[in-house]
Amino acid sequence: MAKKSIIARDAKRIKMIEKYAEKRAEMKAAGDYEGLAGLPRNSSPSRHNNRCSESGRSRSYMRQFGLSRIAFREHASRGEIPGVTKSSW
């Protein structure tokens, strides 16, 4: 489980990205790179990390399922993810 503070920090980044998205797009279109530099750093979409919806883990995130590999394996083993079965041969 990721620290609650890190999960909260990432949620704060998401809000800030949404808040400044329109302003950022206008400045990019106008070519105002000095103005872009004046915006808060966390308003840049590239600073957002994908996180597991259960554990908050940022590494080994599977975009298709919104889970980390560990949470994905647990759900798949229990048969809770449709169309996913454990391979055996």
N, C-alpha and C. Protein backbone atom coordinates (compact mmCIF):
# COMPACT_ATOMS: atom_id res chain seq x y z
N MET A 1 0.85 -1.18 0.00
CA MET A 1 0.00 0.00 0.00
C MET A 1 0.89 1.24 0.00
N ALA A 2 0.60 2.13 -0.92
CA ALA A 2 1.34 3.38 -0.99
C ALA A 2 0.94 4.28 0.17
N LYS A 3 1.81 5.20 0.51
CA LYS A 3 1.50 6.14 1.58
C LYS A 3 0.27 6.96 1.20
N LYS A 4 -0.55 7.24 2.19
CA LYS A 4 -1.76 8.04 1.95
C LYS A 4 -1.40 9.43 1.43
N SER A 5 -0.28 9.96 1.91
CA SER A 5 0.12 11.31 1.50
C SER A 5 0.47 11.35 0.01
N ILE A 6 1.08 10.27 -0.49
CA ILE A 6 1.45 10.22 -1.90
C ILE A 6 0.20 10.09 -2.77
N ILE A 7 -0.75 9.29 -2.32
CA ILE A 7 -2.02 9.13 -3.05
C ILE A 7 -2.76 10.47 -3.08
N ALA A 8 -2.77 11.17 -1.94
CA ALA A 8 -3.43 12.47 -1.86
C ALA A 8 -2.73 13.50 -2.74
N ARG A 9 -1.40 13.45 -2.78
CA ARG A 9 -0.63 14.38 -3.61
C ARG A 9 -0.95 14.18 -5.08
N ASP A 10 -1.10 12.91 -5.49
CA ASP A 10 -1.41 12.64 -6.89
C ASP A 10 -2.84 13.08 -7.22
N ALA A 11 -3.75 12.92 -6.28
CA ALA A 11 -5.13 13.38 -6.49
C ALA A 11 -5.16 14.90 -6.64
N LYS A 12 -4.33 15.58 -5.86
CA LYS A 12 -4.23 17.04 -5.94
C LYS A 12 -3.69 17.45 -7.32
N ARG A 13 -2.72 16.69 -7.84
CA ARG A 13 -2.18 16.97 -9.16
C ARG A 13 -3.26 16.83 -10.23
N ILE A 14 -4.09 15.80 -10.12
CA ILE A 14 -5.15 15.57 -11.11
C ILE A 14 -6.10 16.76 -11.14
N LYS A 15 -6.47 17.27 -9.96
CA LYS A 15 -7.35 18.44 -9.89
C LYS A 15 -6.70 19.66 -10.54
N MET A 16 -5.41 19.84 -10.28
CA MET A 16 -4.70 20.99 -10.82
C MET A 16 -4.56 20.89 -12.34
N ILE A 17 -4.35 19.68 -12.84
CA ILE A 17 -4.25 19.46 -14.29
C ILE A 17 -5.56 19.85 -14.96
N GLU A 18 -6.68 19.43 -14.37
CA GLU A 18 -8.00 19.77 -14.92
C GLU A 18 -8.26 21.28 -14.85
N LYS A 19 -7.83 21.90 -13.77
CA LYS A 19 -8.06 23.33 -13.57
C LYS A 19 -7.34 24.17 -14.62
N TYR A 20 -6.10 23.83 -14.94
CA TYR A 20 -5.28 24.62 -15.85
C TYR A 20 -5.25 24.10 -17.28
N ALA A 21 -6.01 23.06 -17.59
CA ALA A 21 -5.95 22.44 -18.92
C ALA A 21 -6.28 23.44 -20.03
N GLU A 22 -7.35 24.19 -19.87
CA GLU A 22 -7.78 25.12 -20.91
C GLU A 22 -6.77 26.26 -21.09
N LYS A 23 -6.32 26.81 -19.98
CA LYS A 23 -5.35 27.90 -20.02
C LYS A 23 -4.05 27.43 -20.66
N ARG A 24 -3.62 26.23 -20.32
CA ARG A 24 -2.40 25.64 -20.85
C ARG A 24 -2.52 25.44 -22.37
N ALA A 25 -3.68 24.97 -22.82
CA ALA A 25 -3.90 24.74 -24.26
C ALA A 25 -3.86 26.06 -25.03
N GLU A 26 -4.46 27.11 -24.47
CA GLU A 26 -4.44 28.43 -25.12
C GLU A 26 -3.01 28.96 -25.25
N MET A 27 -2.23 28.83 -24.18
CA MET A 27 -0.86 29.32 -24.20
C MET A 27 0.01 28.54 -25.18
N LYS A 28 -0.22 27.24 -25.27
CA LYS A 28 0.54 26.42 -26.21
C LYS A 28 0.22 26.81 -27.64
N ALA A 29 -1.07 27.03 -27.92
CA ALA A 29 -1.49 27.41 -29.27
C ALA A 29 -0.91 28.77 -29.66
N ALA A 30 -0.82 29.68 -28.70
CA ALA A 30 -0.29 31.01 -28.97
C ALA A 30 1.24 31.02 -28.99
N GLY A 31 1.85 29.96 -28.50
CA GLY A 31 3.31 29.89 -28.46
C GLY A 31 3.92 30.67 -27.31
N ASP A 32 3.13 30.90 -26.27
CA ASP A 32 3.59 31.66 -25.10
C ASP A 32 4.26 30.72 -24.10
N TYR A 33 5.53 30.40 -24.37
CA TYR A 33 6.24 29.44 -23.52
C TYR A 33 6.69 30.06 -22.20
N GLU A 34 6.86 31.36 -22.16
CA GLU A 34 7.18 32.03 -20.90
C GLU A 34 5.99 31.98 -19.96
N GLY A 35 4.81 32.16 -20.53
CA GLY A 35 3.59 32.07 -19.73
C GLY A 35 3.37 30.66 -19.21
N LEU A 36 3.69 29.67 -20.05
CA LEU A 36 3.57 28.28 -19.62
C LEU A 36 4.51 27.99 -18.46
N ALA A 37 5.70 28.55 -18.53
CA ALA A 37 6.67 28.35 -17.46
C ALA A 37 6.20 28.98 -16.15
N GLY A 38 5.35 29.97 -16.25
CA GLY A 38 4.83 30.64 -15.06
C GLY A 38 3.72 29.87 -14.36
N LEU A 39 3.12 28.91 -15.05
CA LEU A 39 2.07 28.10 -14.43
C LEU A 39 2.68 27.14 -13.41
N PRO A 40 1.87 26.66 -12.48
CA PRO A 40 2.39 25.71 -11.49
C PRO A 40 2.92 24.43 -12.16
N ARG A 41 3.98 23.89 -11.61
CA ARG A 41 4.57 22.68 -12.18
C ARG A 41 3.59 21.51 -12.20
N ASN A 42 2.83 21.39 -11.14
CA ASN A 42 1.91 20.25 -11.05
C ASN A 42 0.71 20.37 -11.99
N SER A 43 0.61 21.45 -12.73
CA SER A 43 -0.49 21.57 -13.69
C SER A 43 -0.13 20.90 -15.01
N SER A 44 1.10 20.43 -15.14
CA SER A 44 1.53 19.74 -16.35
C SER A 44 1.04 18.28 -16.33
N PRO A 45 0.39 17.83 -17.39
CA PRO A 45 -0.14 16.46 -17.40
C PRO A 45 0.93 15.37 -17.27
N SER A 46 2.16 15.69 -17.64
CA SER A 46 3.21 14.68 -17.58
C SER A 46 3.66 14.38 -16.14
N ARG A 47 3.23 15.19 -15.19
CA ARG A 47 3.61 14.94 -13.79
C ARG A 47 2.64 14.00 -13.08
N HIS A 48 1.57 13.61 -13.75
CA HIS A 48 0.59 12.69 -13.18
C HIS A 48 1.08 11.25 -13.33
N ASN A 49 0.97 10.47 -12.26
CA ASN A 49 1.34 9.05 -12.30
C ASN A 49 0.09 8.20 -12.25
N ASN A 50 0.04 7.17 -13.09
CA ASN A 50 -1.05 6.21 -13.00
C ASN A 50 -0.84 5.39 -11.74
N ARG A 51 -1.93 5.14 -11.01
CA ARG A 51 -1.83 4.39 -9.76
C ARG A 51 -2.92 3.32 -9.70
N CYS A 52 -2.59 2.24 -9.01
CA CYS A 52 -3.54 1.15 -8.79
C CYS A 52 -4.73 1.70 -8.01
N SER A 53 -5.94 1.35 -8.43
CA SER A 53 -7.13 1.87 -7.77
C SER A 53 -7.31 1.27 -6.37
N GLU A 54 -6.70 0.13 -6.10
CA GLU A 54 -6.83 -0.51 -4.79
C GLU A 54 -5.71 -0.12 -3.83
N SER A 55 -4.48 -0.34 -4.27
CA SER A 55 -3.35 -0.19 -3.37
C SER A 55 -2.64 1.15 -3.52
N GLY A 56 -2.84 1.85 -4.62
CA GLY A 56 -2.15 3.11 -4.85
C GLY A 56 -0.75 2.92 -5.39
N ARG A 57 -0.39 1.70 -5.72
CA ARG A 57 0.95 1.39 -6.23
C ARG A 57 1.12 2.01 -7.62
N SER A 58 2.28 2.65 -7.84
CA SER A 58 2.50 3.31 -9.12
C SER A 58 3.28 2.44 -10.09
N ARG A 59 4.09 1.54 -9.59
CA ARG A 59 4.88 0.70 -10.48
C ARG A 59 4.06 -0.49 -10.95
N SER A 60 4.41 -0.99 -12.09
CA SER A 60 3.76 -2.15 -12.73
C SER A 60 2.24 -1.99 -12.78
N TYR A 61 1.81 -0.82 -13.23
CA TYR A 61 0.39 -0.50 -13.38
C TYR A 61 -0.09 -1.02 -14.73
N MET A 62 -1.22 -1.71 -14.74
CA MET A 62 -1.80 -2.23 -15.98
C MET A 62 -2.96 -1.31 -16.36
N ARG A 63 -2.74 -0.53 -17.40
CA ARG A 63 -3.70 0.50 -17.79
C ARG A 63 -5.06 -0.08 -18.15
N GLN A 64 -5.07 -1.22 -18.80
CA GLN A 64 -6.31 -1.84 -19.26
C GLN A 64 -7.26 -2.18 -18.10
N PHE A 65 -6.68 -2.51 -16.94
CA PHE A 65 -7.49 -2.92 -15.80
C PHE A 65 -7.49 -1.90 -14.67
N GLY A 66 -6.58 -0.96 -14.69
CA GLY A 66 -6.50 0.04 -13.63
C GLY A 66 -5.95 -0.51 -12.34
N LEU A 67 -5.20 -1.61 -12.43
CA LEU A 67 -4.66 -2.28 -11.25
C LEU A 67 -3.16 -2.52 -11.41
N SER A 68 -2.49 -2.70 -10.28
CA SER A 68 -1.09 -3.11 -10.34
C SER A 68 -1.05 -4.62 -10.60
N ARG A 69 0.13 -5.13 -10.91
CA ARG A 69 0.26 -6.55 -11.23
C ARG A 69 -0.14 -7.43 -10.05
N ILE A 70 0.11 -6.97 -8.84
CA ILE A 70 -0.20 -7.75 -7.64
C ILE A 70 -1.72 -7.85 -7.45
N ALA A 71 -2.40 -6.71 -7.51
CA ALA A 71 -3.86 -6.70 -7.36
C ALA A 71 -4.52 -7.45 -8.51
N PHE A 72 -3.97 -7.29 -9.72
CA PHE A 72 -4.50 -7.98 -10.89
C PHE A 72 -4.44 -9.49 -10.69
N ARG A 73 -3.30 -9.98 -10.20
CA ARG A 73 -3.12 -11.42 -10.00
C ARG A 73 -4.10 -11.97 -8.97
N GLU A 74 -4.32 -11.21 -7.90
CA GLU A 74 -5.27 -11.64 -6.87
C GLU A 74 -6.67 -11.75 -7.44
N HIS A 75 -7.10 -10.75 -8.19
CA HIS A 75 -8.45 -10.76 -8.77
C HIS A 75 -8.58 -11.86 -9.82
N ALA A 76 -7.54 -12.04 -10.63
CA ALA A 76 -7.59 -13.06 -11.67
C ALA A 76 -7.65 -14.46 -11.05
N SER A 77 -6.93 -14.68 -9.97
CA SER A 77 -6.92 -15.99 -9.31
C SER A 77 -8.29 -16.31 -8.72
N ARG A 78 -8.99 -15.27 -8.26
CA ARG A 78 -10.33 -15.48 -7.70
C ARG A 78 -11.41 -15.53 -8.78
N GLY A 79 -11.02 -15.27 -10.04
CA GLY A 79 -11.99 -15.31 -11.14
C GLY A 79 -12.88 -14.09 -11.20
N GLU A 80 -12.42 -12.96 -10.70
CA GLU A 80 -13.23 -11.75 -10.64
C GLU A 80 -13.06 -10.86 -11.88
N ILE A 81 -12.11 -11.21 -12.75
CA ILE A 81 -11.90 -10.43 -13.98
C ILE A 81 -12.39 -11.26 -15.15
N PRO A 82 -13.44 -10.82 -15.83
CA PRO A 82 -14.01 -11.60 -16.94
C PRO A 82 -13.00 -11.81 -18.07
N GLY A 83 -12.93 -13.03 -18.56
CA GLY A 83 -12.08 -13.36 -19.70
C GLY A 83 -10.64 -13.62 -19.34
N VAL A 84 -10.29 -13.54 -18.07
CA VAL A 84 -8.90 -13.78 -17.65
C VAL A 84 -8.85 -15.06 -16.84
N THR A 85 -8.05 -16.00 -17.28
CA THR A 85 -7.88 -17.24 -16.54
C THR A 85 -6.39 -17.52 -16.35
N LYS A 86 -6.08 -18.22 -15.31
CA LYS A 86 -4.70 -18.59 -15.06
C LYS A 86 -4.30 -19.66 -16.05
N SER A 87 -3.16 -19.47 -16.68
CA SER A 87 -2.72 -20.45 -17.68
C SER A 87 -2.17 -21.69 -16.98
N SER A 88 -2.46 -22.84 -17.54
CA SER A 88 -1.91 -24.08 -17.01
C SER A 88 -1.70 -25.04 -18.18
N TRP A 89 -0.63 -25.78 -18.14
CA TRP A 89 -0.35 -26.75 -19.19
C TRP A 89 0.39 -27.92 -18.66
